[in-house]
Amino acid sequence: MVRYGETAWNKENKLCGWLDAPSSKKGIQEAHNADQTLKRKGYQFDTAHTSVLTRAQHTLKVILEQIEQSSLPVEKTLRLKW
């Protein structure tokens, strides 16, 4: 399980909650750090799950591109937004 990184609101010390705040530059770098680790360790997946929040979907996209699994089926669900 990977959580999205810092958001623009986190950087301003604001609580995002359900607000669909975008990832900050640091958050994007955190996603790249995660994808490099997963690639280095050879992880491959059968399916992916993400919340409906843009920041979570962007993090997943970055990771799947790096591990060369961009075409992996992705299940988006409101339940992961909690």
N, C-alpha and C. Protein backbone atom coordinates (compact mmCIF):
# COMPACT_ATOMS: atom_id res chain seq x y z
N MET A 1 0.85 -1.16 0.00
CA MET A 1 0.00 0.00 0.00
C MET A 1 0.89 1.23 0.00
N VAL A 2 0.56 2.16 -0.85
CA VAL A 2 1.29 3.42 -0.94
C VAL A 2 0.30 4.55 -0.74
N ARG A 3 0.67 5.48 0.10
CA ARG A 3 -0.16 6.66 0.32
C ARG A 3 0.40 7.79 -0.52
N TYR A 4 -0.46 8.67 -0.99
CA TYR A 4 0.02 9.84 -1.73
C TYR A 4 0.90 10.68 -0.82
N GLY A 5 1.73 11.50 -1.41
CA GLY A 5 2.65 12.34 -0.64
C GLY A 5 2.04 13.67 -0.23
N GLU A 6 2.91 14.59 0.07
CA GLU A 6 2.49 15.91 0.53
C GLU A 6 1.63 16.61 -0.52
N THR A 7 0.62 17.32 -0.06
CA THR A 7 -0.21 18.12 -0.96
C THR A 7 0.12 19.59 -0.79
N ALA A 8 -0.39 20.39 -1.70
CA ALA A 8 -0.19 21.84 -1.60
C ALA A 8 -0.75 22.35 -0.27
N TRP A 9 -1.86 21.80 0.17
CA TRP A 9 -2.46 22.24 1.43
C TRP A 9 -1.65 21.77 2.63
N ASN A 10 -1.11 20.53 2.59
CA ASN A 10 -0.27 20.07 3.69
C ASN A 10 0.90 21.02 3.88
N LYS A 11 1.47 21.47 2.78
CA LYS A 11 2.61 22.38 2.82
C LYS A 11 2.26 23.67 3.55
N GLU A 12 1.00 24.09 3.44
CA GLU A 12 0.53 25.31 4.11
C GLU A 12 -0.05 25.01 5.49
N ASN A 13 0.15 23.77 5.96
CA ASN A 13 -0.34 23.31 7.26
C ASN A 13 -1.88 23.35 7.36
N LYS A 14 -2.53 23.07 6.23
CA LYS A 14 -3.99 23.00 6.19
C LYS A 14 -4.40 21.54 6.05
N LEU A 15 -5.49 21.18 6.67
CA LEU A 15 -6.03 19.83 6.56
C LEU A 15 -6.80 19.69 5.25
N CYS A 16 -6.44 18.70 4.46
CA CYS A 16 -7.10 18.48 3.17
C CYS A 16 -8.43 17.77 3.33
N GLY A 17 -8.44 16.72 4.17
CA GLY A 17 -9.65 15.94 4.30
C GLY A 17 -10.13 15.45 2.96
N TRP A 18 -11.38 15.73 2.64
CA TRP A 18 -11.97 15.28 1.39
C TRP A 18 -11.71 16.23 0.24
N LEU A 19 -11.12 17.38 0.52
CA LEU A 19 -10.81 18.33 -0.54
C LEU A 19 -9.81 17.69 -1.50
N ASP A 20 -10.01 17.88 -2.75
CA ASP A 20 -9.14 17.26 -3.76
C ASP A 20 -7.93 18.16 -4.05
N ALA A 21 -7.11 18.39 -3.02
CA ALA A 21 -5.91 19.22 -3.16
C ALA A 21 -4.86 18.48 -3.98
N PRO A 22 -4.17 19.19 -4.86
CA PRO A 22 -3.15 18.54 -5.68
C PRO A 22 -1.88 18.25 -4.89
N SER A 23 -1.06 17.36 -5.41
CA SER A 23 0.24 17.07 -4.80
C SER A 23 1.15 18.28 -4.95
N SER A 24 1.99 18.50 -3.95
CA SER A 24 3.01 19.54 -4.04
C SER A 24 4.21 18.97 -4.78
N LYS A 25 5.22 19.79 -5.03
CA LYS A 25 6.44 19.29 -5.67
C LYS A 25 7.07 18.20 -4.80
N LYS A 26 7.04 18.40 -3.49
CA LYS A 26 7.58 17.40 -2.57
C LYS A 26 6.77 16.10 -2.66
N GLY A 27 5.44 16.22 -2.77
CA GLY A 27 4.58 15.05 -2.89
C GLY A 27 4.86 14.26 -4.15
N ILE A 28 5.13 14.97 -5.24
CA ILE A 28 5.46 14.31 -6.50
C ILE A 28 6.80 13.59 -6.36
N GLN A 29 7.76 14.24 -5.70
CA GLN A 29 9.06 13.59 -5.48
C GLN A 29 8.90 12.36 -4.60
N GLU A 30 8.02 12.43 -3.60
CA GLU A 30 7.76 11.27 -2.74
C GLU A 30 7.19 10.11 -3.55
N ALA A 31 6.34 10.42 -4.52
CA ALA A 31 5.81 9.35 -5.40
C ALA A 31 6.93 8.73 -6.21
N HIS A 32 7.84 9.56 -6.70
CA HIS A 32 8.98 9.04 -7.46
C HIS A 32 9.90 8.20 -6.58
N ASN A 33 10.06 8.58 -5.33
CA ASN A 33 10.88 7.78 -4.41
C ASN A 33 10.25 6.40 -4.23
N ALA A 34 8.93 6.37 -4.08
CA ALA A 34 8.22 5.10 -3.92
C ALA A 34 8.34 4.25 -5.17
N ASP A 35 8.17 4.88 -6.35
CA ASP A 35 8.23 4.08 -7.58
C ASP A 35 9.62 3.51 -7.82
N GLN A 36 10.64 4.26 -7.46
CA GLN A 36 12.01 3.76 -7.62
C GLN A 36 12.26 2.56 -6.70
N THR A 37 11.76 2.63 -5.50
CA THR A 37 11.92 1.51 -4.56
C THR A 37 11.19 0.28 -5.06
N LEU A 38 9.95 0.45 -5.51
CA LEU A 38 9.18 -0.69 -6.02
C LEU A 38 9.85 -1.30 -7.25
N LYS A 39 10.37 -0.46 -8.13
CA LYS A 39 11.04 -0.98 -9.33
C LYS A 39 12.32 -1.72 -8.94
N ARG A 40 13.10 -1.13 -8.06
CA ARG A 40 14.37 -1.75 -7.64
C ARG A 40 14.14 -3.12 -7.00
N LYS A 41 13.03 -3.25 -6.27
CA LYS A 41 12.73 -4.51 -5.60
C LYS A 41 11.97 -5.49 -6.50
N GLY A 42 11.64 -5.05 -7.72
CA GLY A 42 11.03 -5.95 -8.70
C GLY A 42 9.55 -6.21 -8.52
N TYR A 43 8.84 -5.31 -7.87
CA TYR A 43 7.41 -5.52 -7.67
C TYR A 43 6.65 -5.47 -8.98
N GLN A 44 5.70 -6.38 -9.13
CA GLN A 44 4.77 -6.42 -10.25
C GLN A 44 3.40 -6.72 -9.67
N PHE A 45 2.37 -6.11 -10.22
CA PHE A 45 1.03 -6.24 -9.67
C PHE A 45 0.04 -6.76 -10.70
N ASP A 46 -1.05 -7.35 -10.20
CA ASP A 46 -2.12 -7.84 -11.07
C ASP A 46 -3.22 -6.81 -11.25
N THR A 47 -3.41 -5.97 -10.25
CA THR A 47 -4.43 -4.93 -10.28
C THR A 47 -4.00 -3.83 -9.31
N ALA A 48 -4.62 -2.68 -9.45
CA ALA A 48 -4.31 -1.55 -8.56
C ALA A 48 -5.62 -0.94 -8.07
N HIS A 49 -5.57 -0.40 -6.88
CA HIS A 49 -6.74 0.24 -6.28
C HIS A 49 -6.34 1.63 -5.84
N THR A 50 -7.24 2.59 -6.02
CA THR A 50 -6.97 3.97 -5.61
C THR A 50 -8.28 4.64 -5.21
N SER A 51 -8.15 5.73 -4.49
CA SER A 51 -9.34 6.50 -4.15
C SER A 51 -9.72 7.36 -5.35
N VAL A 52 -10.79 8.10 -5.22
CA VAL A 52 -11.25 8.97 -6.30
C VAL A 52 -10.53 10.32 -6.28
N LEU A 53 -9.67 10.54 -5.28
CA LEU A 53 -8.95 11.80 -5.19
C LEU A 53 -7.85 11.87 -6.25
N THR A 54 -7.73 13.02 -6.86
CA THR A 54 -6.75 13.23 -7.92
C THR A 54 -5.33 12.96 -7.43
N ARG A 55 -5.00 13.39 -6.21
CA ARG A 55 -3.63 13.21 -5.70
C ARG A 55 -3.28 11.72 -5.58
N ALA A 56 -4.23 10.90 -5.19
CA ALA A 56 -3.98 9.46 -5.09
C ALA A 56 -3.84 8.84 -6.47
N GLN A 57 -4.68 9.25 -7.40
CA GLN A 57 -4.61 8.73 -8.76
C GLN A 57 -3.31 9.14 -9.45
N HIS A 58 -2.86 10.36 -9.20
CA HIS A 58 -1.61 10.83 -9.79
C HIS A 58 -0.43 10.04 -9.23
N THR A 59 -0.42 9.80 -7.94
CA THR A 59 0.65 9.00 -7.32
C THR A 59 0.69 7.61 -7.94
N LEU A 60 -0.47 7.00 -8.09
CA LEU A 60 -0.53 5.67 -8.69
C LEU A 60 -0.02 5.69 -10.13
N LYS A 61 -0.42 6.70 -10.89
CA LYS A 61 0.03 6.81 -12.28
C LYS A 61 1.55 6.90 -12.37
N VAL A 62 2.15 7.74 -11.52
CA VAL A 62 3.61 7.88 -11.50
C VAL A 62 4.27 6.53 -11.22
N ILE A 63 3.75 5.82 -10.24
CA ILE A 63 4.33 4.53 -9.86
C ILE A 63 4.17 3.50 -10.98
N LEU A 64 2.98 3.40 -11.55
CA LEU A 64 2.75 2.41 -12.60
C LEU A 64 3.59 2.68 -13.84
N GLU A 65 3.81 3.95 -14.15
CA GLU A 65 4.68 4.28 -15.29
C GLU A 65 6.10 3.81 -15.02
N GLN A 66 6.61 4.06 -13.83
CA GLN A 66 7.99 3.69 -13.50
C GLN A 66 8.21 2.18 -13.51
N ILE A 67 7.24 1.44 -13.00
CA ILE A 67 7.41 -0.02 -12.96
C ILE A 67 6.90 -0.68 -14.25
N GLU A 68 6.62 0.16 -15.24
CA GLU A 68 6.21 -0.29 -16.56
C GLU A 68 4.95 -1.14 -16.54
N GLN A 69 3.96 -0.66 -15.78
CA GLN A 69 2.66 -1.34 -15.72
C GLN A 69 1.51 -0.34 -15.91
N SER A 70 1.71 0.61 -16.79
CA SER A 70 0.70 1.65 -17.03
C SER A 70 -0.65 1.10 -17.48
N SER A 71 -0.65 -0.07 -18.09
CA SER A 71 -1.90 -0.64 -18.60
C SER A 71 -2.61 -1.52 -17.57
N LEU A 72 -2.12 -1.55 -16.36
CA LEU A 72 -2.72 -2.36 -15.30
C LEU A 72 -4.15 -1.90 -15.00
N PRO A 73 -5.08 -2.82 -14.79
CA PRO A 73 -6.43 -2.43 -14.42
C PRO A 73 -6.42 -1.67 -13.08
N VAL A 74 -7.14 -0.56 -13.03
CA VAL A 74 -7.19 0.27 -11.82
C VAL A 74 -8.63 0.38 -11.35
N GLU A 75 -8.85 0.04 -10.11
CA GLU A 75 -10.17 0.16 -9.48
C GLU A 75 -10.18 1.42 -8.63
N LYS A 76 -11.06 2.36 -8.97
CA LYS A 76 -11.21 3.59 -8.20
C LYS A 76 -12.42 3.45 -7.30
N THR A 77 -12.25 3.80 -6.03
CA THR A 77 -13.37 3.66 -5.11
C THR A 77 -13.40 4.80 -4.10
N LEU A 78 -14.60 5.22 -3.78
CA LEU A 78 -14.82 6.25 -2.77
C LEU A 78 -14.41 5.73 -1.39
N ARG A 79 -14.47 4.43 -1.18
CA ARG A 79 -14.17 3.85 0.12
C ARG A 79 -12.74 4.13 0.57
N LEU A 80 -11.80 4.30 -0.34
CA LEU A 80 -10.42 4.59 0.02
C LEU A 80 -10.19 6.07 0.33
N LYS A 81 -11.22 6.86 0.18
CA LYS A 81 -11.12 8.30 0.46
C LYS A 81 -11.21 8.57 1.96
N TRP A 82 -11.66 7.65 2.74
CA TRP A 82 -11.89 7.85 4.17
C TRP A 82 -10.64 8.00 4.91
